[in-house]
């Protein structure tokens, strides 16, 4: 996963924010917060995780499926870009 090293700082920041969100959920449960508040925090955390997953998948597609030597309108490259859009539509 050497291509992840290029985005390491951004990915680590995302993970740290998710850790904070998980800790907030834990505090809400420990503090007997209302269900709506716990669910709101849990869905925010799920959204953050989905965004993290989408970022990793996008990086993987661009690193391993896109032919950087081929023209931008190459059919394979276009399919890879469409896949990135689908992943983002589904996960974010």
PDB file of N, CA and C in Angstrom:
ATOM      1  N   UNK A   1       0.819  -1.179   0.000  1.00  0.00           N
ATOM      2  CA  UNK A   1       0.000   0.000   0.000  1.00  0.00           C
ATOM      3  C   UNK A   1       0.873   1.257   0.000  1.00  0.00           C
ATOM      4  N   UNK A   2       1.914   1.250  -0.786  1.00  0.00           N
ATOM      5  CA  UNK A   2       2.814   2.399  -0.804  1.00  0.00           C
ATOM      6  C   UNK A   2       2.122   3.666  -1.280  1.00  0.00           C
ATOM      7  N   UNK A   3       1.124   3.535  -2.128  1.00  0.00           N
ATOM      8  CA  UNK A   3       0.430   4.731  -2.600  1.00  0.00           C
ATOM      9  C   UNK A   3      -0.331   5.418  -1.466  1.00  0.00           C
ATOM     10  N   UNK A   4      -0.656   4.690  -0.414  1.00  0.00           N
ATOM     11  CA  UNK A   4      -1.339   5.283   0.738  1.00  0.00           C
ATOM     12  C   UNK A   4      -0.413   6.246   1.460  1.00  0.00           C
ATOM     13  N   UNK A   5       0.887   5.995   1.388  1.00  0.00           N
ATOM     14  CA  UNK A   5       1.840   6.885   2.052  1.00  0.00           C
ATOM     15  C   UNK A   5       1.719   8.317   1.542  1.00  0.00           C
ATOM     16  N   UNK A   6       1.339   8.486   0.265  1.00  0.00           N
ATOM     17  CA  UNK A   6       1.176   9.824  -0.294  1.00  0.00           C
ATOM     18  C   UNK A   6       0.066  10.587   0.416  1.00  0.00           C
ATOM     19  N   UNK A   7      -0.939   9.876   0.884  1.00  0.00           N
ATOM     20  CA  UNK A   7      -2.101  10.481   1.526  1.00  0.00           C
ATOM     21  C   UNK A   7      -2.134  10.205   3.022  1.00  0.00           C
ATOM     22  N   UNK A   8      -1.017   9.761   3.578  1.00  0.00           N
ATOM     23  CA  UNK A   8      -0.981   9.301   4.959  1.00  0.00           C
ATOM     24  C   UNK A   8      -1.490  10.346   5.954  1.00  0.00           C
ATOM     25  N   UNK A   9      -1.032  11.574   5.868  1.00  0.00           N
ATOM     26  CA  UNK A   9      -1.435  12.607   6.831  1.00  0.00           C
ATOM     27  C   UNK A   9      -2.944  12.823   6.789  1.00  0.00           C
ATOM     28  N   UNK A  10      -3.500  12.901   5.586  1.00  0.00           N
ATOM     29  CA  UNK A  10      -4.942  13.118   5.444  1.00  0.00           C
ATOM     30  C   UNK A  10      -5.725  11.936   6.019  1.00  0.00           C
ATOM     31  N   UNK A  11      -5.262  10.727   5.737  1.00  0.00           N
ATOM     32  CA  UNK A  11      -5.948   9.528   6.238  1.00  0.00           C
ATOM     33  C   UNK A  11      -5.850   9.429   7.752  1.00  0.00           C
ATOM     34  N   UNK A  12      -4.679   9.727   8.300  1.00  0.00           N
ATOM     35  CA  UNK A  12      -4.523   9.684   9.756  1.00  0.00           C
ATOM     36  C   UNK A  12      -5.407  10.721  10.440  1.00  0.00           C
ATOM     37  N   UNK A  13      -5.544  11.897   9.845  1.00  0.00           N
ATOM     38  CA  UNK A  13      -6.440  12.911  10.410  1.00  0.00           C
ATOM     39  C   UNK A  13      -7.882  12.424  10.415  1.00  0.00           C
ATOM     40  N   UNK A  14      -8.290  11.761   9.343  1.00  0.00           N
ATOM     41  CA  UNK A  14      -9.647  11.196   9.285  1.00  0.00           C
ATOM     42  C   UNK A  14      -9.836  10.166  10.399  1.00  0.00           C
ATOM     43  N   UNK A  15      -8.835   9.300  10.576  1.00  0.00           N
ATOM     44  CA  UNK A  15      -8.931   8.273  11.612  1.00  0.00           C
ATOM     45  C   UNK A  15      -8.996   8.889  13.001  1.00  0.00           C
ATOM     46  N   UNK A  16      -8.243   9.932  13.220  1.00  0.00           N
ATOM     47  CA  UNK A  16      -8.257  10.598  14.530  1.00  0.00           C
ATOM     48  C   UNK A  16      -9.619  11.238  14.808  1.00  0.00           C
ATOM     49  N   UNK A  17     -10.228  11.835  13.771  1.00  0.00           N
ATOM     50  CA  UNK A  17     -11.567  12.395  13.949  1.00  0.00           C
ATOM     51  C   UNK A  17     -12.566  11.284  14.265  1.00  0.00           C
ATOM     52  N   UNK A  18     -12.428  10.143  13.580  1.00  0.00           N
ATOM     53  CA  UNK A  18     -13.328   9.022  13.862  1.00  0.00           C
ATOM     54  C   UNK A  18     -13.143   8.515  15.288  1.00  0.00           C
ATOM     55  N   UNK A  19     -11.898   8.461  15.750  1.00  0.00           N
ATOM     56  CA  UNK A  19     -11.646   8.041  17.132  1.00  0.00           C
ATOM     57  C   UNK A  19     -12.376   8.972  18.093  1.00  0.00           C
ATOM     58  N   UNK A  20     -12.306  10.266  17.837  1.00  0.00           N
ATOM     59  CA  UNK A  20     -13.018  11.232  18.665  1.00  0.00           C
ATOM     60  C   UNK A  20     -14.523  11.006  18.632  1.00  0.00           C
ATOM     61  N   UNK A  21     -15.040  10.671  17.451  1.00  0.00           N
ATOM     62  CA  UNK A  21     -16.468  10.404  17.342  1.00  0.00           C
ATOM     63  C   UNK A  21     -16.866   9.145  18.113  1.00  0.00           C
ATOM     64  N   UNK A  22     -16.046   8.109  18.027  1.00  0.00           N
ATOM     65  CA  UNK A  22     -16.314   6.869  18.772  1.00  0.00           C
ATOM     66  C   UNK A  22     -16.298   7.157  20.271  1.00  0.00           C
ATOM     67  N   UNK A  23     -15.328   7.943  20.711  1.00  0.00           N
ATOM     68  CA  UNK A  23     -15.239   8.291  22.129  1.00  0.00           C
ATOM     69  C   UNK A  23     -16.473   9.097  22.562  1.00  0.00           C
ATOM     70  N   UNK A  24     -16.980   9.949  21.691  1.00  0.00           N
ATOM     71  CA  UNK A  24     -18.187  10.715  22.007  1.00  0.00           C
ATOM     72  C   UNK A  24     -19.394   9.791  22.134  1.00  0.00           C
ATOM     73  N   UNK A  25     -19.462   8.785  21.276  1.00  0.00           N
ATOM     74  CA  UNK A  25     -20.551   7.807  21.379  1.00  0.00           C
ATOM     75  C   UNK A  25     -20.441   7.059  22.703  1.00  0.00           C
ATOM     76  N   UNK A  26     -19.234   6.648  23.050  1.00  0.00           N
ATOM     77  CA  UNK A  26     -19.018   5.932  24.303  1.00  0.00           C
ATOM     78  C   UNK A  26     -19.452   6.790  25.502  1.00  0.00           C
ATOM     79  N   UNK A  27     -19.067   8.066  25.478  1.00  0.00           N
ATOM     80  CA  UNK A  27     -19.462   8.961  26.575  1.00  0.00           C
ATOM     81  C   UNK A  27     -20.983   9.123  26.632  1.00  0.00           C
ATOM     82  N   UNK A  28     -21.610   9.193  25.461  1.00  0.00           N
ATOM     83  CA  UNK A  28     -23.068   9.343  25.418  1.00  0.00           C
ATOM     84  C   UNK A  28     -23.761   8.120  26.004  1.00  0.00           C
ATOM     85  N   UNK A  29     -23.257   6.943  25.680  1.00  0.00           N
ATOM     86  CA  UNK A  29     -23.845   5.715  26.221  1.00  0.00           C
ATOM     87  C   UNK A  29     -23.596   5.641  27.726  1.00  0.00           C
ATOM     88  N   UNK A  30     -22.369   5.930  28.139  1.00  0.00           N
ATOM     89  CA  UNK A  30     -22.044   5.913  29.575  1.00  0.00           C
ATOM     90  C   UNK A  30     -22.882   6.930  30.345  1.00  0.00           C
ATOM     91  N   UNK A  31     -23.163   8.059  29.723  1.00  0.00           N
ATOM     92  CA  UNK A  31     -23.917   9.122  30.371  1.00  0.00           C
ATOM     93  C   UNK A  31     -25.418   8.986  30.219  1.00  0.00           C
ATOM     94  N   UNK A  32     -25.866   7.854  29.696  1.00  0.00           N
ATOM     95  CA  UNK A  32     -27.305   7.599  29.516  1.00  0.00           C
ATOM     96  C   UNK A  32     -27.988   8.699  28.709  1.00  0.00           C
ATOM     97  N   UNK A  33     -27.319   9.144  27.649  1.00  0.00           N
ATOM     98  CA  UNK A  33     -27.905  10.151  26.765  1.00  0.00           C
ATOM     99  C   UNK A  33     -29.131   9.577  26.061  1.00  0.00           C
ATOM    100  N   UNK A  34     -29.933  10.466  25.526  1.00  0.00           N
ATOM    101  CA  UNK A  34     -31.118  10.049  24.780  1.00  0.00           C
ATOM    102  C   UNK A  34     -30.708   9.252  23.544  1.00  0.00           C
ATOM    103  N   UNK A  35     -31.582   8.334  23.165  1.00  0.00           N
ATOM    104  CA  UNK A  35     -31.315   7.473  22.005  1.00  0.00           C
ATOM    105  C   UNK A  35     -31.024   8.298  20.748  1.00  0.00           C
ATOM    106  N   UNK A  36     -31.797   9.358  20.550  1.00  0.00           N
ATOM    107  CA  UNK A  36     -31.629  10.178  19.350  1.00  0.00           C
ATOM    108  C   UNK A  36     -30.221  10.751  19.272  1.00  0.00           C
ATOM    109  N   UNK A  37     -29.686  11.184  20.404  1.00  0.00           N
ATOM    110  CA  UNK A  37     -28.333  11.756  20.420  1.00  0.00           C
ATOM    111  C   UNK A  37     -27.287  10.689  20.106  1.00  0.00           C
ATOM    112  N   UNK A  38     -27.440   9.509  20.687  1.00  0.00           N
ATOM    113  CA  UNK A  38     -26.502   8.413  20.431  1.00  0.00           C
ATOM    114  C   UNK A  38     -26.566   8.016  18.961  1.00  0.00           C
ATOM    115  N   UNK A  39     -27.772   7.910  18.421  1.00  0.00           N
ATOM    116  CA  UNK A  39     -27.927   7.545  17.007  1.00  0.00           C
ATOM    117  C   UNK A  39     -27.333   8.608  16.091  1.00  0.00           C
ATOM    118  N   UNK A  40     -27.528   9.864  16.435  1.00  0.00           N
ATOM    119  CA  UNK A  40     -26.964  10.943  15.625  1.00  0.00           C
ATOM    120  C   UNK A  40     -25.443  10.850  15.583  1.00  0.00           C
ATOM    121  N   UNK A  41     -24.829  10.603  16.724  1.00  0.00           N
ATOM    122  CA  UNK A  41     -23.377  10.475  16.771  1.00  0.00           C
ATOM    123  C   UNK A  41     -22.908   9.221  16.033  1.00  0.00           C
ATOM    124  N   UNK A  42     -23.666   8.136  16.169  1.00  0.00           N
ATOM    125  CA  UNK A  42     -23.293   6.891  15.498  1.00  0.00           C
ATOM    126  C   UNK A  42     -23.377   7.040  13.983  1.00  0.00           C
ATOM    127  N   UNK A  43     -24.411   7.712  13.488  1.00  0.00           N
ATOM    128  CA  UNK A  43     -24.519   7.883  12.040  1.00  0.00           C
ATOM    129  C   UNK A  43     -23.441   8.827  11.507  1.00  0.00           C
ATOM    130  N   UNK A  44     -23.060   9.818  12.306  1.00  0.00           N
ATOM    131  CA  UNK A  44     -21.958  10.696  11.889  1.00  0.00           C
ATOM    132  C   UNK A  44     -20.664   9.899  11.785  1.00  0.00           C
ATOM    133  N   UNK A  45     -20.466   8.999  12.735  1.00  0.00           N
ATOM    134  CA  UNK A  45     -19.268   8.159  12.719  1.00  0.00           C
ATOM    135  C   UNK A  45     -19.290   7.212  11.520  1.00  0.00           C
ATOM    136  N   UNK A  46     -20.451   6.649  11.234  1.00  0.00           N
ATOM    137  CA  UNK A  46     -20.574   5.765  10.074  1.00  0.00           C
ATOM    138  C   UNK A  46     -20.267   6.534   8.791  1.00  0.00           C
ATOM    139  N   UNK A  47     -20.749   7.761   8.694  1.00  0.00           N
ATOM    140  CA  UNK A  47     -20.455   8.588   7.522  1.00  0.00           C
ATOM    141  C   UNK A  47     -18.966   8.853   7.381  1.00  0.00           C
ATOM    142  N   UNK A  48     -18.313   9.102   8.499  1.00  0.00           N
ATOM    143  CA  UNK A  48     -16.864   9.338   8.468  1.00  0.00           C
ATOM    144  C   UNK A  48     -16.128   8.081   8.020  1.00  0.00           C
ATOM    145  N   UNK A  49     -16.556   6.923   8.507  1.00  0.00           N
ATOM    146  CA  UNK A  49     -15.917   5.672   8.097  1.00  0.00           C
ATOM    147  C   UNK A  49     -16.164   5.392   6.619  1.00  0.00           C
ATOM    148  N   UNK A  50     -17.389   5.647   6.162  1.00  0.00           N
ATOM    149  CA  UNK A  50     -17.679   5.465   4.735  1.00  0.00           C
ATOM    150  C   UNK A  50     -16.801   6.373   3.879  1.00  0.00           C
ATOM    151  N   UNK A  51     -16.605   7.618   4.318  1.00  0.00           N
ATOM    152  CA  UNK A  51     -15.739   8.531   3.586  1.00  0.00           C
ATOM    153  C   UNK A  51     -14.303   8.046   3.556  1.00  0.00           C
ATOM    154  N   UNK A  52     -13.832   7.498   4.672  1.00  0.00           N
ATOM    155  CA  UNK A  52     -12.483   6.937   4.741  1.00  0.00           C
ATOM    156  C   UNK A  52     -12.345   5.768   3.762  1.00  0.00           C
ATOM    157  N   UNK A  53     -13.316   4.873   3.770  1.00  0.00           N
ATOM    158  CA  UNK A  53     -13.291   3.721   2.862  1.00  0.00           C
ATOM    159  C   UNK A  53     -13.304   4.186   1.417  1.00  0.00           C
ATOM    160  N   UNK A  54     -14.147   5.156   1.098  1.00  0.00           N
ATOM    161  CA  UNK A  54     -14.214   5.678  -0.272  1.00  0.00           C
ATOM    162  C   UNK A  54     -12.870   6.251  -0.698  1.00  0.00           C
ATOM    163  N   UNK A  55     -12.206   6.934   0.207  1.00  0.00           N
ATOM    164  CA  UNK A  55     -10.895   7.525  -0.096  1.00  0.00           C
ATOM    165  C   UNK A  55      -9.864   6.436  -0.410  1.00  0.00           C
ATOM    166  N   UNK A  56      -9.855   5.382   0.376  1.00  0.00           N
ATOM    167  CA  UNK A  56      -8.917   4.280   0.146  1.00  0.00           C
ATOM    168  C   UNK A  56      -9.218   3.591  -1.181  1.00  0.00           C
ATOM    169  N   UNK A  57     -10.493   3.338  -1.456  1.00  0.00           N
ATOM    170  CA  UNK A  57     -10.865   2.685  -2.716  1.00  0.00           C
ATOM    171  C   UNK A  57     -10.481   3.569  -3.901  1.00  0.00           C
ATOM    172  N   UNK A  58     -10.765   4.866  -3.804  1.00  0.00           N
ATOM    173  CA  UNK A  58     -10.407   5.780  -4.890  1.00  0.00           C
ATOM    174  C   UNK A  58      -8.902   5.772  -5.142  1.00  0.00           C
ATOM    175  N   UNK A  59      -8.113   5.864  -4.088  1.00  0.00           N
ATOM    176  CA  UNK A  59      -6.659   5.827  -4.236  1.00  0.00           C
ATOM    177  C   UNK A  59      -6.214   4.528  -4.898  1.00  0.00           C
ATOM    178  N   UNK A  60      -6.830   3.419  -4.495  1.00  0.00           N
ATOM    179  CA  UNK A  60      -6.469   2.116  -5.061  1.00  0.00           C
ATOM    180  C   UNK A  60      -6.794   2.076  -6.562  1.00  0.00           C
ATOM    181  N   UNK A  61      -7.973   2.534  -6.921  1.00  0.00           N
ATOM    182  CA  UNK A  61      -8.371   2.542  -8.331  1.00  0.00           C
ATOM    183  C   UNK A  61      -7.412   3.399  -9.145  1.00  0.00           C
ATOM    184  N   UNK A  62      -7.153   4.587  -8.661  1.00  0.00           N
ATOM    185  CA  UNK A  62      -6.283   5.501  -9.417  1.00  0.00           C
ATOM    186  C   UNK A  62      -4.843   4.991  -9.502  1.00  0.00           C
ATOM    187  N   UNK A  63      -4.390   4.274  -8.497  1.00  0.00           N
ATOM    188  CA  UNK A  63      -3.014   3.774  -8.502  1.00  0.00           C
ATOM    189  C   UNK A  63      -2.862   2.487  -9.314  1.00  0.00           C
ATOM    190  N   UNK A  64      -3.841   1.598  -9.232  1.00  0.00           N
ATOM    191  CA  UNK A  64      -3.665   0.264  -9.807  1.00  0.00           C
ATOM    192  C   UNK A  64      -4.479   0.001 -11.078  1.00  0.00           C
ATOM    193  N   UNK A  65      -5.493   0.808 -11.357  1.00  0.00           N
ATOM    194  CA  UNK A  65      -6.320   0.550 -12.534  1.00  0.00           C
ATOM    195  C   UNK A  65      -6.161   1.580 -13.641  1.00  0.00           C
ATOM    196  N   UNK A  66      -5.828   2.796 -13.279  1.00  0.00           N
ATOM    197  CA  UNK A  66      -5.674   3.849 -14.282  1.00  0.00           C
ATOM    198  C   UNK A  66      -4.314   3.704 -14.949  1.00  0.00           C
ATOM    199  N   UNK A  67      -4.325   3.736 -16.263  1.00  0.00           N
ATOM    200  CA  UNK A  67      -3.083   3.702 -17.027  1.00  0.00           C
ATOM    201  C   UNK A  67      -2.653   5.150 -17.258  1.00  0.00           C
ATOM    202  N   UNK A  68      -1.677   5.593 -16.489  1.00  0.00           N
ATOM    203  CA  UNK A  68      -1.259   6.990 -16.541  1.00  0.00           C
ATOM    204  C   UNK A  68      -0.562   7.350 -17.849  1.00  0.00           C
ATOM    205  N   UNK A  69      -0.123   6.346 -18.595  1.00  0.00           N
ATOM    206  CA  UNK A  69       0.531   6.601 -19.878  1.00  0.00           C
ATOM    207  C   UNK A  69      -0.492   6.728 -21.003  1.00  0.00           C
ATOM    208  N   UNK A  70      -1.694   6.229 -20.785  1.00  0.00           N
ATOM    209  CA  UNK A  70      -2.730   6.260 -21.820  1.00  0.00           C
ATOM    210  C   UNK A  70      -3.396   7.633 -21.851  1.00  0.00           C
ATOM    211  N   UNK A  71      -3.989   7.960 -22.992  1.00  0.00           N
ATOM    212  CA  UNK A  71      -4.724   9.232 -23.065  1.00  0.00           C
ATOM    213  C   UNK A  71      -5.862   9.252 -22.043  1.00  0.00           C
ATOM    214  N   UNK A  72      -6.234  10.454 -21.640  1.00  0.00           N
ATOM    215  CA  UNK A  72      -7.276  10.605 -20.623  1.00  0.00           C
ATOM    216  C   UNK A  72      -8.612   9.999 -21.067  1.00  0.00           C
ATOM    217  N   UNK A  73      -8.875   9.999 -22.367  1.00  0.00           N
ATOM    218  CA  UNK A  73     -10.144   9.462 -22.859  1.00  0.00           C
ATOM    219  C   UNK A  73     -10.071   7.964 -23.170  1.00  0.00           C
ATOM    220  N   UNK A  74      -9.010   7.305 -22.738  1.00  0.00           N
ATOM    221  CA  UNK A  74      -8.878   5.856 -22.884  1.00  0.00           C
ATOM    222  C   UNK A  74     -10.064   5.169 -22.205  1.00  0.00           C
ATOM    223  N   UNK A  75     -10.606   4.124 -22.837  1.00  0.00           N
ATOM    224  CA  UNK A  75     -11.800   3.451 -22.319  1.00  0.00           C
ATOM    225  C   UNK A  75     -11.578   2.900 -20.904  1.00  0.00           C
ATOM    226  N   UNK A  76     -10.408   2.335 -20.667  1.00  0.00           N
ATOM    227  CA  UNK A  76     -10.123   1.774 -19.337  1.00  0.00           C
ATOM    228  C   UNK A  76     -10.068   2.888 -18.287  1.00  0.00           C
ATOM    229  N   UNK A  77      -9.433   3.983 -18.628  1.00  0.00           N
ATOM    230  CA  UNK A  77      -9.351   5.106 -17.693  1.00  0.00           C
ATOM    231  C   UNK A  77     -10.726   5.718 -17.435  1.00  0.00           C
ATOM    232  N   UNK A  78     -11.536   5.806 -18.470  1.00  0.00           N
ATOM    233  CA  UNK A  78     -12.894   6.317 -18.287  1.00  0.00           C
ATOM    234  C   UNK A  78     -13.696   5.397 -17.372  1.00  0.00           C
ATOM    235  N   UNK A  79     -13.545   4.083 -17.560  1.00  0.00           N
ATOM    236  CA  UNK A  79     -14.246   3.128 -16.702  1.00  0.00           C
ATOM    237  C   UNK A  79     -13.781   3.255 -15.252  1.00  0.00           C
ATOM    238  N   UNK A  80     -12.490   3.469 -15.055  1.00  0.00           N
ATOM    239  CA  UNK A  80     -11.964   3.650 -13.699  1.00  0.00           C
ATOM    240  C   UNK A  80     -12.549   4.903 -13.064  1.00  0.00           C
ATOM    241  N   UNK A  81     -12.639   5.984 -13.819  1.00  0.00           N
ATOM    242  CA  UNK A  81     -13.223   7.225 -13.284  1.00  0.00           C
ATOM    243  C   UNK A  81     -14.705   7.033 -12.964  1.00  0.00           C
ATOM    244  N   UNK A  82     -15.420   6.298 -13.799  1.00  0.00           N
ATOM    245  CA  UNK A  82     -16.826   6.007 -13.520  1.00  0.00           C
ATOM    246  C   UNK A  82     -16.955   5.198 -12.233  1.00  0.00           C
ATOM    247  N   UNK A  83     -16.042   4.256 -12.037  1.00  0.00           N
ATOM    248  CA  UNK A  83     -16.056   3.446 -10.821  1.00  0.00           C
ATOM    249  C   UNK A  83     -15.815   4.320  -9.595  1.00  0.00           C
ATOM    250  N   UNK A  84     -14.901   5.258  -9.685  1.00  0.00           N
ATOM    251  CA  UNK A  84     -14.649   6.186  -8.578  1.00  0.00           C
ATOM    252  C   UNK A  84     -15.930   6.961  -8.257  1.00  0.00           C
ATOM    253  N   UNK A  85     -16.626   7.436  -9.278  1.00  0.00           N
ATOM    254  CA  UNK A  85     -17.872   8.177  -9.062  1.00  0.00           C
ATOM    255  C   UNK A  85     -18.927   7.299  -8.396  1.00  0.00           C
ATOM    256  N   UNK A  86     -19.015   6.038  -8.810  1.00  0.00           N
ATOM    257  CA  UNK A  86     -19.981   5.109  -8.220  1.00  0.00           C
ATOM    258  C   UNK A  86     -19.657   4.872  -6.748  1.00  0.00           C
ATOM    259  N   UNK A  87     -18.392   4.653  -6.454  1.00  0.00           N
ATOM    260  CA  UNK A  87     -17.977   4.425  -5.071  1.00  0.00           C
ATOM    261  C   UNK A  87     -18.355   5.634  -4.212  1.00  0.00           C
ATOM    262  N   UNK A  88     -18.070   6.823  -4.705  1.00  0.00           N
ATOM    263  CA  UNK A  88     -18.386   8.030  -3.942  1.00  0.00           C
ATOM    264  C   UNK A  88     -19.904   8.207  -3.783  1.00  0.00           C
ATOM    265  N   UNK A  89     -20.654   7.891  -4.826  1.00  0.00           N
ATOM    266  CA  UNK A  89     -22.111   8.017  -4.720  1.00  0.00           C
ATOM    267  C   UNK A  89     -22.671   7.023  -3.704  1.00  0.00           C
ATOM    268  N   UNK A  90     -22.087   5.855  -3.644  1.00  0.00           N
ATOM    269  CA  UNK A  90     -22.586   4.832  -2.745  1.00  0.00           C
ATOM    270  C   UNK A  90     -22.142   5.071  -1.305  1.00  0.00           C
ATOM    271  N   UNK A  91     -20.915   5.506  -1.109  1.00  0.00           N
ATOM    272  CA  UNK A  91     -20.355   5.589   0.246  1.00  0.00           C
ATOM    273  C   UNK A  91     -20.408   6.973   0.864  1.00  0.00           C
ATOM    274  N   UNK A  92     -20.614   8.007   0.075  1.00  0.00           N
ATOM    275  CA  UNK A  92     -20.599   9.335   0.684  1.00  0.00           C
ATOM    276  C   UNK A  92     -21.898  10.069   0.449  1.00  0.00           C
TER     277      UNK A  92
END
